Amino acid sequence: MEVILATILVGILLAALIVIPRLRRKSVQPKRKVASNAQNKAVKSYSKAEVARHNKRTDCWIIIKDKVFDVTSYVEEHPGGDAILDHAGDDSTEGFYGPQHATRVFEMIDDFYIGDLEI
């Protein structure tokens, strides 16, 4: 009986950790859309070599679907720990779309967008 109660309590706490920040983000911050090249000519482009130089915990850029994101400020908060650093300075598309990520990450990533990858 105690195990069941503990399991339910842990489930409620985990749900609260996921739901409350999501509700707060929606009520406090308007959702920012990623500007496309057609909408904003000032979108910066980065070469793969330039992105590769940002491969540290204190300077971490990643590529997701040919878009560049500066996730330095998120590295310490990443629920998966240092897994975010596995592809620092490189393409993280496969890991980003992995089964470990909740749909919340698809809303969050726009906040870190800094430009497009030069192709």
N, C-alpha and C. Protein backbone atom coordinates (compact mmCIF):
# COMPACT_ATOMS: atom_id res chain seq x y z
N MET A 1 0.82 -1.18 0.00
CA MET A 1 0.00 0.00 0.00
C MET A 1 0.87 1.26 0.00
N GLU A 2 1.95 1.24 0.80
CA GLU A 2 2.85 2.39 0.87
C GLU A 2 3.55 2.62 -0.47
N VAL A 3 3.89 1.55 -1.15
CA VAL A 3 4.54 1.66 -2.45
C VAL A 3 3.60 2.31 -3.46
N ILE A 4 2.35 1.94 -3.44
CA ILE A 4 1.37 2.51 -4.36
C ILE A 4 1.21 4.01 -4.08
N LEU A 5 1.09 4.38 -2.82
CA LEU A 5 0.95 5.79 -2.46
C LEU A 5 2.19 6.58 -2.86
N ALA A 6 3.36 6.03 -2.65
CA ALA A 6 4.60 6.70 -3.04
C ALA A 6 4.66 6.88 -4.55
N THR A 7 4.26 5.86 -5.29
CA THR A 7 4.24 5.93 -6.75
C THR A 7 3.29 7.01 -7.24
N ILE A 8 2.11 7.07 -6.64
CA ILE A 8 1.13 8.10 -7.02
C ILE A 8 1.67 9.49 -6.70
N LEU A 9 2.28 9.65 -5.54
CA LEU A 9 2.84 10.95 -5.15
C LEU A 9 3.95 11.38 -6.11
N VAL A 10 4.83 10.48 -6.46
CA VAL A 10 5.90 10.79 -7.41
C VAL A 10 5.31 11.18 -8.77
N GLY A 11 4.29 10.46 -9.21
CA GLY A 11 3.62 10.78 -10.47
C GLY A 11 3.01 12.17 -10.46
N ILE A 12 2.38 12.53 -9.37
CA ILE A 12 1.77 13.86 -9.25
C ILE A 12 2.86 14.94 -9.26
N LEU A 13 3.93 14.71 -8.55
CA LEU A 13 5.02 15.69 -8.52
C LEU A 13 5.65 15.87 -9.90
N LEU A 14 5.88 14.77 -10.61
CA LEU A 14 6.44 14.86 -11.96
C LEU A 14 5.49 15.59 -12.90
N ALA A 15 4.22 15.32 -12.80
CA ALA A 15 3.24 16.01 -13.64
C ALA A 15 3.24 17.50 -13.34
N ALA A 16 3.33 17.86 -12.07
CA ALA A 16 3.37 19.28 -11.70
C ALA A 16 4.63 19.95 -12.24
N LEU A 17 5.75 19.26 -12.23
CA LEU A 17 6.99 19.83 -12.75
C LEU A 17 6.92 20.07 -14.25
N ILE A 18 6.13 19.30 -14.95
CA ILE A 18 5.98 19.44 -16.39
C ILE A 18 4.90 20.46 -16.73
N VAL A 19 3.77 20.41 -16.06
CA VAL A 19 2.62 21.24 -16.41
C VAL A 19 2.78 22.69 -15.95
N ILE A 20 3.22 22.93 -14.73
CA ILE A 20 3.29 24.29 -14.19
C ILE A 20 4.22 25.18 -15.00
N PRO A 21 5.46 24.77 -15.32
CA PRO A 21 6.30 25.65 -16.15
C PRO A 21 5.69 25.92 -17.52
N ARG A 22 5.03 24.92 -18.08
CA ARG A 22 4.41 25.09 -19.39
C ARG A 22 3.30 26.14 -19.32
N LEU A 23 2.47 26.10 -18.27
CA LEU A 23 1.40 27.07 -18.10
C LEU A 23 1.97 28.46 -17.85
N ARG A 24 3.01 28.54 -17.05
CA ARG A 24 3.63 29.83 -16.75
C ARG A 24 4.23 30.44 -18.01
N ARG A 25 4.90 29.63 -18.82
CA ARG A 25 5.53 30.12 -20.04
C ARG A 25 4.47 30.67 -21.00
N LYS A 26 3.35 29.98 -21.13
CA LYS A 26 2.30 30.43 -22.04
C LYS A 26 1.63 31.70 -21.55
N SER A 27 1.49 31.87 -20.24
CA SER A 27 0.81 33.05 -19.74
C SER A 27 1.74 34.26 -19.65
N VAL A 28 3.02 34.06 -19.46
CA VAL A 28 3.95 35.16 -19.29
C VAL A 28 4.57 35.61 -20.61
N GLN A 29 4.98 34.68 -21.43
CA GLN A 29 5.70 35.01 -22.66
C GLN A 29 4.88 34.64 -23.89
N PRO A 30 4.73 35.60 -24.81
CA PRO A 30 4.09 35.21 -26.06
C PRO A 30 5.03 34.29 -26.83
N LYS A 31 4.47 33.34 -27.53
CA LYS A 31 5.28 32.40 -28.29
C LYS A 31 5.96 33.14 -29.44
N ARG A 32 7.27 33.01 -29.49
CA ARG A 32 8.05 33.66 -30.53
C ARG A 32 8.22 32.71 -31.70
N LYS A 33 7.98 33.19 -32.87
CA LYS A 33 8.12 32.35 -34.06
C LYS A 33 9.50 32.54 -34.66
N VAL A 34 10.03 31.47 -35.21
CA VAL A 34 11.31 31.53 -35.90
C VAL A 34 11.09 32.23 -37.23
N ALA A 35 11.90 33.25 -37.47
CA ALA A 35 11.76 33.99 -38.72
C ALA A 35 12.33 33.18 -39.87
N SER A 36 11.61 33.11 -40.96
CA SER A 36 12.13 32.41 -42.13
C SER A 36 12.87 33.40 -43.01
N ASN A 37 13.68 32.90 -43.90
CA ASN A 37 14.44 33.77 -44.78
C ASN A 37 13.53 34.67 -45.61
N ALA A 38 12.38 34.18 -45.99
CA ALA A 38 11.47 34.97 -46.81
C ALA A 38 10.88 36.13 -46.01
N GLN A 39 10.69 35.95 -44.70
CA GLN A 39 10.09 36.98 -43.87
C GLN A 39 11.12 37.99 -43.38
N ASN A 40 12.33 37.57 -43.18
CA ASN A 40 13.32 38.45 -42.56
C ASN A 40 14.67 38.26 -43.26
N LYS A 41 15.06 39.22 -44.07
CA LYS A 41 16.31 39.13 -44.84
C LYS A 41 17.54 39.21 -43.93
N ALA A 42 17.35 39.66 -42.67
CA ALA A 42 18.47 39.85 -41.76
C ALA A 42 18.85 38.58 -41.01
N VAL A 43 18.28 37.45 -41.35
CA VAL A 43 18.63 36.20 -40.67
C VAL A 43 20.10 35.89 -40.97
N LYS A 44 20.84 35.65 -39.92
CA LYS A 44 22.27 35.39 -40.06
C LYS A 44 22.50 33.94 -40.48
N SER A 45 23.52 33.73 -41.29
CA SER A 45 23.92 32.39 -41.71
C SER A 45 25.27 32.05 -41.11
N TYR A 46 25.43 30.79 -40.72
CA TYR A 46 26.67 30.32 -40.11
C TYR A 46 27.17 29.10 -40.89
N SER A 47 28.48 29.05 -41.06
CA SER A 47 29.07 27.88 -41.70
C SER A 47 29.17 26.75 -40.66
N LYS A 48 29.30 25.54 -41.14
CA LYS A 48 29.44 24.39 -40.24
C LYS A 48 30.72 24.53 -39.40
N ALA A 49 31.76 25.09 -40.01
CA ALA A 49 33.02 25.29 -39.28
C ALA A 49 32.85 26.30 -38.16
N GLU A 50 32.07 27.34 -38.42
CA GLU A 50 31.84 28.35 -37.38
C GLU A 50 31.04 27.76 -36.22
N VAL A 51 30.04 26.97 -36.53
CA VAL A 51 29.24 26.33 -35.48
C VAL A 51 30.12 25.37 -34.68
N ALA A 52 31.01 24.67 -35.35
CA ALA A 52 31.88 23.68 -34.70
C ALA A 52 32.76 24.29 -33.62
N ARG A 53 33.07 25.57 -33.72
CA ARG A 53 33.90 26.23 -32.71
C ARG A 53 33.16 26.42 -31.38
N HIS A 54 31.86 26.29 -31.39
CA HIS A 54 31.04 26.49 -30.19
C HIS A 54 30.64 25.13 -29.63
N ASN A 55 31.63 24.42 -29.09
CA ASN A 55 31.43 23.02 -28.70
C ASN A 55 31.74 22.73 -27.23
N LYS A 56 31.53 23.74 -26.39
CA LYS A 56 31.84 23.58 -24.97
C LYS A 56 30.61 23.85 -24.11
N ARG A 57 30.68 23.44 -22.87
CA ARG A 57 29.61 23.69 -21.91
C ARG A 57 29.33 25.19 -21.79
N THR A 58 30.36 26.00 -21.84
CA THR A 58 30.21 27.45 -21.67
C THR A 58 29.98 28.18 -22.98
N ASP A 59 29.94 27.47 -24.07
CA ASP A 59 29.71 28.05 -25.40
C ASP A 59 29.21 26.94 -26.31
N CYS A 60 27.90 26.73 -26.29
CA CYS A 60 27.33 25.54 -26.92
C CYS A 60 26.29 25.92 -27.97
N TRP A 61 26.62 25.64 -29.24
CA TRP A 61 25.69 25.82 -30.34
C TRP A 61 25.39 24.44 -30.90
N ILE A 62 24.17 24.28 -31.39
CA ILE A 62 23.80 23.03 -32.04
C ILE A 62 23.05 23.34 -33.34
N ILE A 63 23.01 22.35 -34.21
CA ILE A 63 22.27 22.46 -35.48
C ILE A 63 21.11 21.49 -35.41
N ILE A 64 19.92 21.99 -35.76
CA ILE A 64 18.73 21.15 -35.85
C ILE A 64 18.03 21.51 -37.15
N LYS A 65 17.97 20.56 -38.05
CA LYS A 65 17.34 20.77 -39.37
C LYS A 65 17.83 22.05 -40.04
N ASP A 66 19.14 22.18 -40.17
CA ASP A 66 19.80 23.29 -40.85
C ASP A 66 19.52 24.66 -40.23
N LYS A 67 19.14 24.67 -38.97
CA LYS A 67 18.99 25.92 -38.21
C LYS A 67 19.98 25.86 -37.05
N VAL A 68 20.51 27.02 -36.67
CA VAL A 68 21.54 27.09 -35.64
C VAL A 68 20.92 27.67 -34.35
N PHE A 69 21.24 27.01 -33.24
CA PHE A 69 20.70 27.41 -31.95
C PHE A 69 21.84 27.55 -30.94
N ASP A 70 21.84 28.64 -30.19
CA ASP A 70 22.81 28.84 -29.11
C ASP A 70 22.12 28.39 -27.83
N VAL A 71 22.46 27.20 -27.35
CA VAL A 71 21.82 26.62 -26.18
C VAL A 71 22.69 26.72 -24.93
N THR A 72 23.69 27.59 -24.96
CA THR A 72 24.62 27.72 -23.84
C THR A 72 23.88 27.94 -22.52
N SER A 73 22.90 28.82 -22.52
CA SER A 73 22.19 29.13 -21.28
C SER A 73 21.32 27.99 -20.79
N TYR A 74 21.09 26.99 -21.63
CA TYR A 74 20.23 25.86 -21.27
C TYR A 74 21.01 24.61 -20.85
N VAL A 75 22.30 24.58 -21.11
CA VAL A 75 23.10 23.38 -20.86
C VAL A 75 22.95 22.89 -19.42
N GLU A 76 23.04 23.78 -18.45
CA GLU A 76 22.96 23.36 -17.04
C GLU A 76 21.55 22.94 -16.64
N GLU A 77 20.53 23.39 -17.36
CA GLU A 77 19.15 23.05 -17.04
C GLU A 77 18.67 21.79 -17.77
N HIS A 78 19.43 21.32 -18.73
CA HIS A 78 18.99 20.20 -19.57
C HIS A 78 18.69 18.98 -18.71
N PRO A 79 17.45 18.49 -18.74
CA PRO A 79 17.08 17.34 -17.91
C PRO A 79 17.89 16.08 -18.21
N GLY A 80 18.43 15.97 -19.41
CA GLY A 80 19.23 14.81 -19.78
C GLY A 80 20.69 14.97 -19.41
N GLY A 81 21.00 15.95 -18.59
CA GLY A 81 22.38 16.18 -18.16
C GLY A 81 23.28 16.56 -19.32
N ASP A 82 24.44 15.97 -19.35
CA ASP A 82 25.45 16.31 -20.36
C ASP A 82 25.15 15.73 -21.74
N ALA A 83 24.06 15.04 -21.91
CA ALA A 83 23.71 14.48 -23.23
C ALA A 83 23.62 15.58 -24.28
N ILE A 84 23.25 16.77 -23.86
CA ILE A 84 23.15 17.89 -24.80
C ILE A 84 24.51 18.25 -25.38
N LEU A 85 25.57 17.90 -24.66
CA LEU A 85 26.92 18.21 -25.11
C LEU A 85 27.48 17.18 -26.09
N ASP A 86 26.78 16.04 -26.25
CA ASP A 86 27.26 14.99 -27.15
C ASP A 86 27.44 15.50 -28.58
N HIS A 87 26.62 16.45 -28.99
CA HIS A 87 26.71 16.99 -30.34
C HIS A 87 26.91 18.50 -30.33
N ALA A 88 27.52 19.02 -29.27
CA ALA A 88 27.79 20.45 -29.20
C ALA A 88 28.68 20.85 -30.37
N GLY A 89 28.28 21.91 -31.06
CA GLY A 89 29.02 22.35 -32.23
C GLY A 89 28.76 21.52 -33.47
N ASP A 90 27.76 20.69 -33.43
CA ASP A 90 27.49 19.77 -34.54
C ASP A 90 25.98 19.59 -34.71
N ASP A 91 25.59 18.68 -35.59
CA ASP A 91 24.18 18.44 -35.88
C ASP A 91 23.54 17.58 -34.78
N SER A 92 22.51 18.12 -34.16
CA SER A 92 21.80 17.43 -33.08
C SER A 92 20.40 17.03 -33.48
N THR A 93 20.10 17.05 -34.77
CA THR A 93 18.75 16.78 -35.25
C THR A 93 18.23 15.43 -34.77
N GLU A 94 19.02 14.39 -34.93
CA GLU A 94 18.58 13.05 -34.57
C GLU A 94 18.27 12.95 -33.08
N GLY A 95 19.16 13.45 -32.25
CA GLY A 95 18.93 13.41 -30.81
C GLY A 95 17.76 14.27 -30.37
N PHE A 96 17.61 15.41 -31.01
CA PHE A 96 16.53 16.33 -30.66
C PHE A 96 15.16 15.69 -30.90
N TYR A 97 15.03 14.97 -31.99
CA TYR A 97 13.76 14.33 -32.33
C TYR A 97 13.63 12.93 -31.76
N GLY A 98 14.49 12.59 -30.81
CA GLY A 98 14.44 11.27 -30.19
C GLY A 98 13.25 11.10 -29.27
N PRO A 99 12.97 9.87 -28.88
CA PRO A 99 11.79 9.57 -28.06
C PRO A 99 11.87 10.12 -26.64
N GLN A 100 13.05 10.53 -26.20
CA GLN A 100 13.22 11.02 -24.84
C GLN A 100 12.67 12.42 -24.64
N HIS A 101 12.40 13.14 -25.72
CA HIS A 101 11.94 14.52 -25.60
C HIS A 101 10.42 14.62 -25.65
N ALA A 102 9.88 15.36 -24.71
CA ALA A 102 8.44 15.66 -24.72
C ALA A 102 8.19 16.74 -25.76
N THR A 103 6.94 16.91 -26.14
CA THR A 103 6.60 17.92 -27.16
C THR A 103 6.96 19.32 -26.71
N ARG A 104 7.15 19.54 -25.43
CA ARG A 104 7.52 20.86 -24.90
C ARG A 104 8.81 21.39 -25.52
N VAL A 105 9.74 20.52 -25.84
CA VAL A 105 11.02 20.99 -26.39
C VAL A 105 10.84 21.65 -27.75
N PHE A 106 9.81 21.26 -28.48
CA PHE A 106 9.58 21.85 -29.79
C PHE A 106 9.14 23.30 -29.67
N GLU A 107 8.51 23.65 -28.55
CA GLU A 107 8.13 25.03 -28.29
C GLU A 107 9.32 25.82 -27.74
N MET A 108 10.12 25.19 -26.91
CA MET A 108 11.24 25.87 -26.25
C MET A 108 12.37 26.22 -27.21
N ILE A 109 12.64 25.39 -28.19
CA ILE A 109 13.84 25.54 -29.01
C ILE A 109 13.86 26.87 -29.76
N ASP A 110 12.71 27.40 -30.11
CA ASP A 110 12.65 28.66 -30.84
C ASP A 110 13.34 29.80 -30.09
N ASP A 111 13.32 29.73 -28.78
CA ASP A 111 13.94 30.78 -27.97
C ASP A 111 15.46 30.84 -28.15
N PHE A 112 16.07 29.79 -28.66
CA PHE A 112 17.52 29.71 -28.79
C PHE A 112 18.00 29.89 -30.23
N TYR A 113 17.10 30.10 -31.15
CA TYR A 113 17.42 30.25 -32.57
C TYR A 113 18.27 31.50 -32.82
N ILE A 114 19.40 31.33 -33.54
CA ILE A 114 20.24 32.48 -33.86
C ILE A 114 20.48 32.65 -35.37
N GLY A 115 20.14 31.65 -36.17
CA GLY A 115 20.33 31.77 -37.60
C GLY A 115 20.25 30.43 -38.32
N ASP A 116 20.59 30.48 -39.59
CA ASP A 116 20.52 29.28 -40.44
C ASP A 116 21.92 28.77 -40.77
N LEU A 117 22.00 27.49 -41.05
CA LEU A 117 23.25 26.87 -41.46
C LEU A 117 23.46 27.15 -42.95
N GLU A 118 24.66 27.57 -43.31
CA GLU A 118 24.97 27.74 -44.72
C GLU A 118 25.04 26.37 -45.37
N ILE A 119 24.38 26.23 -46.49
CA ILE A 119 24.37 24.93 -47.16
C ILE A 119 25.19 24.98 -48.42
